[in-house]
PDB file of N, CA and C in Angstrom:
ATOM      1  N   ASP A   1      -0.267   3.227  18.400  1.00  0.00           N
ATOM      2  CA  ASP A   1      -0.094   4.591  18.578  1.00  0.00           C
ATOM      3  C   ASP A   1       0.970   5.582  17.969  1.00  0.00           C
ATOM      4  N   ARG A   2       2.037   4.881  17.750  1.00  0.00           N
ATOM      5  CA  ARG A   2       3.258   5.534  16.779  1.00  0.00           C
ATOM      6  C   ARG A   2       2.606   5.838  15.675  1.00  0.00           C
ATOM      7  N   ASN A   3       2.047   5.306  15.019  1.00  0.00           N
ATOM      8  CA  ASN A   3       1.589   5.802  13.281  1.00  0.00           C
ATOM      9  C   ASN A   3       0.119   6.182  13.413  1.00  0.00           C
ATOM     10  N   ARG A   4       0.260   7.703  13.310  1.00  0.00           N
ATOM     11  CA  ARG A   4      -1.060   8.167  13.420  1.00  0.00           C
ATOM     12  C   ARG A   4      -1.070   9.368  12.660  1.00  0.00           C
ATOM     13  N   CYS A   5      -2.181   9.824  12.248  1.00  0.00           N
ATOM     14  CA  CYS A   5      -2.211  10.906  11.174  1.00  0.00           C
ATOM     15  C   CYS A   5      -2.738  12.295  12.158  1.00  0.00           C
ATOM     16  N   VAL A   6      -3.565  12.048  13.271  1.00  0.00           N
ATOM     17  CA  VAL A   6      -4.210  13.214  13.913  1.00  0.00           C
ATOM     18  C   VAL A   6      -3.853  13.195  15.195  1.00  0.00           C
ATOM     19  N   PRO A   7      -3.128  13.809  15.932  1.00  0.00           N
ATOM     20  CA  PRO A   7      -2.081  14.493  15.611  1.00  0.00           C
ATOM     21  C   PRO A   7      -0.878  13.749  14.525  1.00  0.00           C
ATOM     22  N   LEU A   8      -0.314  14.131  13.912  1.00  0.00           N
ATOM     23  CA  LEU A   8       1.004  13.390  13.065  1.00  0.00           C
ATOM     24  C   LEU A   8       1.911  12.984  13.910  1.00  0.00           C
ATOM     25  N   ARG A   9       2.008  11.479  14.120  1.00  0.00           N
ATOM     26  CA  ARG A   9       3.029  10.843  15.147  1.00  0.00           C
ATOM     27  C   ARG A   9       3.451   9.849  14.158  1.00  0.00           C
ATOM     28  N   GLY A  10       4.720   9.678  13.745  1.00  0.00           N
ATOM     29  CA  GLY A  10       5.481   8.879  12.817  1.00  0.00           C
ATOM     30  C   GLY A  10       4.910   8.944  11.567  1.00  0.00           C
ATOM     31  N   ASN A  11       4.243   7.933  11.045  1.00  0.00           N
ATOM     32  CA  ASN A  11       3.818   7.988   9.400  1.00  0.00           C
ATOM     33  C   ASN A  11       2.068   7.815   9.635  1.00  0.00           C
ATOM     34  N   CYS A  12       1.805   8.695   8.700  1.00  0.00           N
ATOM     35  CA  CYS A  12       0.612   8.560   8.077  1.00  0.00           C
ATOM     36  C   CYS A  12       0.142   7.939   7.031  1.00  0.00           C
ATOM     37  N   VAL A  13      -0.779   7.125   7.061  1.00  0.00           N
ATOM     38  CA  VAL A  13      -1.187   6.390   5.605  1.00  0.00           C
ATOM     39  C   VAL A  13      -2.446   6.711   5.203  1.00  0.00           C
ATOM     40  N   ARG A  14      -2.885   7.283   4.067  1.00  0.00           N
ATOM     41  CA  ARG A  14      -4.198   7.569   3.728  1.00  0.00           C
ATOM     42  C   ARG A  14      -4.332   6.863   2.390  1.00  0.00           C
ATOM     43  N   ILE A  15      -5.688   6.304   2.135  1.00  0.00           N
ATOM     44  CA  ILE A  15      -6.021   5.634   1.317  1.00  0.00           C
ATOM     45  C   ILE A  15      -7.363   6.199   0.484  1.00  0.00           C
ATOM     46  N   ASN A  16      -7.053   6.728  -0.604  1.00  0.00           N
ATOM     47  CA  ASN A  16      -8.208   7.906  -1.119  1.00  0.00           C
ATOM     48  C   ASN A  16      -8.395   8.978  -0.057  1.00  0.00           C
ATOM     49  N   ASN A  17      -7.441   9.402   0.593  1.00  0.00           N
ATOM     50  CA  ASN A  17      -7.265  10.624   1.562  1.00  0.00           C
ATOM     51  C   ASN A  17      -7.952  10.379   2.919  1.00  0.00           C
ATOM     52  N   VAL A  18      -8.315   8.879   3.149  1.00  0.00           N
ATOM     53  CA  VAL A  18      -8.788   8.568   4.429  1.00  0.00           C
ATOM     54  C   VAL A  18      -7.942   7.937   5.035  1.00  0.00           C
ATOM     55  N   PRO A  19      -7.545   8.360   6.257  1.00  0.00           N
ATOM     56  CA  PRO A  19      -6.603   7.605   7.458  1.00  0.00           C
ATOM     57  C   PRO A  19      -6.802   6.007   7.324  1.00  0.00           C
ATOM     58  N   ALA A  20      -5.724   5.159   7.324  1.00  0.00           N
ATOM     59  CA  ALA A  20      -5.708   3.835   7.474  1.00  0.00           C
ATOM     60  C   ALA A  20      -4.881   3.597   8.445  1.00  0.00           C
ATOM     61  N   GLY A  21      -5.212   2.426   9.423  1.00  0.00           N
ATOM     62  CA  GLY A  21      -4.765   1.787  10.385  1.00  0.00           C
ATOM     63  C   GLY A  21      -3.266   1.104  10.047  1.00  0.00           C
ATOM     64  N   VAL A  22      -2.279   1.365  10.653  1.00  0.00           N
ATOM     65  CA  VAL A  22      -0.814   0.754  10.216  1.00  0.00           C
ATOM     66  C   VAL A  22      -0.752  -0.325  10.994  1.00  0.00           C
ATOM     67  N   GLU A  23      -0.870  -1.594  10.396  1.00  0.00           N
ATOM     68  CA  GLU A  23      -0.588  -2.856  11.423  1.00  0.00           C
ATOM     69  C   GLU A  23       0.881  -3.360  11.501  1.00  0.00           C
ATOM     70  N   ALA A  24       1.584  -3.280  10.649  1.00  0.00           N
ATOM     71  CA  ALA A  24       3.233  -3.593  10.598  1.00  0.00           C
ATOM     72  C   ALA A  24       3.919  -2.683   9.300  1.00  0.00           C
ATOM     73  N   VAL A  25       5.141  -2.376   9.846  1.00  0.00           N
ATOM     74  CA  VAL A  25       6.167  -1.678   8.701  1.00  0.00           C
ATOM     75  C   VAL A  25       7.365  -2.735   9.017  1.00  0.00           C
ATOM     76  N   THR A  26       8.070  -2.625   7.868  1.00  0.00           N
ATOM     77  CA  THR A  26       9.300  -3.379   7.566  1.00  0.00           C
ATOM     78  C   THR A  26      10.034  -2.390   6.415  1.00  0.00           C
ATOM     79  N   PRO A  27      11.332  -2.738   6.132  1.00  0.00           N
ATOM     80  CA  PRO A  27      11.880  -1.967   5.184  1.00  0.00           C
ATOM     81  C   PRO A  27      11.175  -2.133   3.634  1.00  0.00           C
ATOM     82  N   THR A  28      10.571  -3.207   3.703  1.00  0.00           N
ATOM     83  CA  THR A  28      10.259  -3.600   2.153  1.00  0.00           C
ATOM     84  C   THR A  28       8.654  -3.983   2.224  1.00  0.00           C
ATOM     85  N   MET A  29       7.908  -3.748   3.301  1.00  0.00           N
ATOM     86  CA  MET A  29       6.618  -3.943   3.535  1.00  0.00           C
ATOM     87  C   MET A  29       5.926  -3.053   4.233  1.00  0.00           C
ATOM     88  N   LEU A  30       4.289  -2.754   4.090  1.00  0.00           N
ATOM     89  CA  LEU A  30       3.675  -1.897   4.658  1.00  0.00           C
ATOM     90  C   LEU A  30       2.244  -2.925   4.662  1.00  0.00           C
ATOM     91  N   VAL A  31       1.708  -2.962   5.778  1.00  0.00           N
ATOM     92  CA  VAL A  31       0.502  -3.552   6.317  1.00  0.00           C
ATOM     93  C   VAL A  31      -0.424  -2.700   6.929  1.00  0.00           C
ATOM     94  N   VAL A  32      -1.386  -2.365   6.016  1.00  0.00           N
ATOM     95  CA  VAL A  32      -2.340  -1.167   6.693  1.00  0.00           C
ATOM     96  C   VAL A  32      -3.863  -2.043   6.883  1.00  0.00           C
ATOM     97  N   ARG A  33      -4.645  -1.466   7.754  1.00  0.00           N
ATOM     98  CA  ARG A  33      -6.152  -2.125   7.642  1.00  0.00           C
ATOM     99  C   ARG A  33      -7.083  -0.947   6.903  1.00  0.00           C
ATOM    100  N   LEU A  34      -7.609  -1.397   5.684  1.00  0.00           N
ATOM    101  CA  LEU A  34      -8.183  -0.573   4.833  1.00  0.00           C
ATOM    102  C   LEU A  34      -9.372   0.157   5.673  1.00  0.00           C
ATOM    103  N   PRO A  35      -9.664   0.999   5.311  1.00  0.00           N
ATOM    104  CA  PRO A  35     -10.560   2.138   6.237  1.00  0.00           C
ATOM    105  C   PRO A  35     -12.093   1.945   5.328  1.00  0.00           C
ATOM    106  N   PHE A  36     -12.110   1.086   4.176  1.00  0.00           N
ATOM    107  CA  PHE A  36     -13.303   0.843   3.435  1.00  0.00           C
ATOM    108  C   PHE A  36     -13.223  -0.349   2.874  1.00  0.00           C
ATOM    109  N   SER A  37     -14.326  -0.898   2.179  1.00  0.00           N
ATOM    110  CA  SER A  37     -14.129  -1.848   1.216  1.00  0.00           C
ATOM    111  C   SER A  37     -13.705  -1.689   0.146  1.00  0.00           C
ATOM    112  N   CYS A  38     -12.686  -2.566  -0.329  1.00  0.00           N
ATOM    113  CA  CYS A  38     -12.080  -2.062  -1.585  1.00  0.00           C
ATOM    114  C   CYS A  38     -12.871  -2.446  -2.823  1.00  0.00           C
ATOM    115  N   VAL A  39     -13.174  -1.472  -3.546  1.00  0.00           N
ATOM    116  CA  VAL A  39     -14.220  -1.864  -4.807  1.00  0.00           C
ATOM    117  C   VAL A  39     -13.771  -1.202  -6.239  1.00  0.00           C
ATOM    118  N   ALA A  40     -12.670  -0.523  -5.974  1.00  0.00           N
ATOM    119  CA  ALA A  40     -12.160   0.462  -6.974  1.00  0.00           C
ATOM    120  C   ALA A  40     -10.576   0.881  -6.939  1.00  0.00           C
ATOM    121  N   PRO A  41      -9.968   0.937  -7.691  1.00  0.00           N
ATOM    122  CA  PRO A  41      -8.537   1.565  -7.435  1.00  0.00           C
ATOM    123  C   PRO A  41      -8.851   2.907  -6.696  1.00  0.00           C
ATOM    124  N   ALA A  42      -7.701   3.179  -5.815  1.00  0.00           N
ATOM    125  CA  ALA A  42      -7.559   4.283  -4.893  1.00  0.00           C
ATOM    126  C   ALA A  42      -6.190   4.409  -4.821  1.00  0.00           C
ATOM    127  N   PRO A  43      -5.892   5.719  -4.488  1.00  0.00           N
ATOM    128  CA  PRO A  43      -4.360   6.145  -4.126  1.00  0.00           C
ATOM    129  C   PRO A  43      -3.988   5.892  -2.641  1.00  0.00           C
ATOM    130  N   LEU A  44      -2.838   5.459  -2.419  1.00  0.00           N
ATOM    131  CA  LEU A  44      -2.314   5.252  -1.208  1.00  0.00           C
ATOM    132  C   LEU A  44      -1.097   5.917  -0.912  1.00  0.00           C
ATOM    133  N   THR A  45      -1.132   7.157   0.043  1.00  0.00           N
ATOM    134  CA  THR A  45       0.084   7.849  -0.055  1.00  0.00           C
ATOM    135  C   THR A  45       0.589   7.668   1.685  1.00  0.00           C
ATOM    136  N   VAL A  46       1.843   8.077   2.123  1.00  0.00           N
ATOM    137  CA  VAL A  46       2.608   8.044   3.150  1.00  0.00           C
ATOM    138  C   VAL A  46       3.221   9.172   3.473  1.00  0.00           C
ATOM    139  N   GLN A  47       2.755   9.819   4.595  1.00  0.00           N
ATOM    140  CA  GLN A  47       3.105  10.970   4.908  1.00  0.00           C
ATOM    141  C   GLN A  47       4.031  10.942   6.324  1.00  0.00           C
ATOM    142  N   THR A  48       5.446  11.252   6.261  1.00  0.00           N
ATOM    143  CA  THR A  48       6.116  11.014   7.371  1.00  0.00           C
ATOM    144  C   THR A  48       6.188  12.147   8.447  1.00  0.00           C
ATOM    145  N   GLN A  49       6.820  12.016   9.764  1.00  0.00           N
ATOM    146  CA  GLN A  49       6.611  13.116  10.923  1.00  0.00           C
ATOM    147  C   GLN A  49       7.748  14.163   9.905  1.00  0.00           C
ATOM    148  N   GLY A  50       8.591  13.814   9.525  1.00  0.00           N
ATOM    149  CA  GLY A  50       9.628  14.624   8.960  1.00  0.00           C
ATOM    150  C   GLY A  50       9.074  15.745   8.065  1.00  0.00           C
ATOM    151  N   GLY A  51       7.808  15.215   7.438  1.00  0.00           N
ATOM    152  CA  GLY A  51       7.278  16.629   6.366  1.00  0.00           C
ATOM    153  C   GLY A  51       7.081  15.812   4.731  1.00  0.00           C
ATOM    154  N   GLY A  52       7.959  14.647   4.780  1.00  0.00           N
ATOM    155  CA  GLY A  52       7.795  14.082   3.506  1.00  0.00           C
ATOM    156  C   GLY A  52       6.722  13.154   2.982  1.00  0.00           C
ATOM    157  N   THR A  53       6.012  13.445   1.750  1.00  0.00           N
ATOM    158  CA  THR A  53       5.029  12.532   1.447  1.00  0.00           C
ATOM    159  C   THR A  53       5.072  11.924   0.135  1.00  0.00           C
ATOM    160  N   SER A  54       4.664  10.832   0.268  1.00  0.00           N
ATOM    161  CA  SER A  54       5.158   9.724  -0.971  1.00  0.00           C
ATOM    162  C   SER A  54       4.397  10.066  -2.234  1.00  0.00           C
ATOM    163  N   VAL A  55       5.001   9.254  -3.220  1.00  0.00           N
ATOM    164  CA  VAL A  55       4.153   9.319  -4.574  1.00  0.00           C
ATOM    165  C   VAL A  55       3.028   8.539  -4.529  1.00  0.00           C
ATOM    166  N   PRO A  56       1.678   9.018  -4.784  1.00  0.00           N
ATOM    167  CA  PRO A  56       0.525   7.747  -4.760  1.00  0.00           C
ATOM    168  C   PRO A  56       0.864   6.621  -5.440  1.00  0.00           C
ATOM    169  N   VAL A  57       0.590   5.638  -4.555  1.00  0.00           N
ATOM    170  CA  VAL A  57       0.577   4.305  -5.200  1.00  0.00           C
ATOM    171  C   VAL A  57      -0.979   3.655  -5.234  1.00  0.00           C
ATOM    172  N   THR A  58      -0.973   3.076  -6.487  1.00  0.00           N
ATOM    173  CA  THR A  58      -2.333   2.652  -6.704  1.00  0.00           C
ATOM    174  C   THR A  58      -2.853   1.572  -5.930  1.00  0.00           C
ATOM    175  N   VAL A  59      -3.928   1.151  -4.803  1.00  0.00           N
ATOM    176  CA  VAL A  59      -4.425  -0.034  -4.374  1.00  0.00           C
ATOM    177  C   VAL A  59      -5.960  -0.437  -4.604  1.00  0.00           C
ATOM    178  N   CYS A  60      -6.468  -1.460  -4.258  1.00  0.00           N
ATOM    179  CA  CYS A  60      -7.444  -2.055  -4.799  1.00  0.00           C
ATOM    180  C   CYS A  60      -7.618  -2.104  -6.043  1.00  0.00           C
ATOM    181  N   THR A  61      -6.863  -2.683  -6.767  1.00  0.00           N
ATOM    182  CA  THR A  61      -6.945  -3.123  -8.200  1.00  0.00           C
ATOM    183  C   THR A  61      -7.652  -4.444  -8.675  1.00  0.00           C
ATOM    184  N   ASN A  62      -8.175  -5.047  -7.627  1.00  0.00           N
ATOM    185  CA  ASN A  62      -8.880  -6.311  -7.984  1.00  0.00           C
ATOM    186  C   ASN A  62     -10.361  -5.988  -8.360  1.00  0.00           C
ATOM    187  N   GLY A  63     -10.865  -5.245  -8.750  1.00  0.00           N
ATOM    188  CA  GLY A  63     -12.377  -4.670  -9.274  1.00  0.00           C
ATOM    189  C   GLY A  63     -12.598  -5.844 -10.154  1.00  0.00           C
ATOM    190  N   PRO A  64     -13.693  -5.665 -10.840  1.00  0.00           N
ATOM    191  CA  PRO A  64     -14.732  -6.640 -11.817  1.00  0.00           C
ATOM    192  C   PRO A  64     -13.726  -6.758 -13.058  1.00  0.00           C
TER     193      PRO A  64
END
């Protein structure tokens, strides 16, 4: 419940601009449930409740 995009509560993780469920967070790790099958590189961004947005990080890089 704490990490939701709508309404923004805590952290909002988006993959290819689609909200992804946050499973766990540590200072060095972020575990999310992908909102779709990973078939091509896609940008992941994190938006914080404080208004900051991360630089996009590419995920789903295990394509053919």
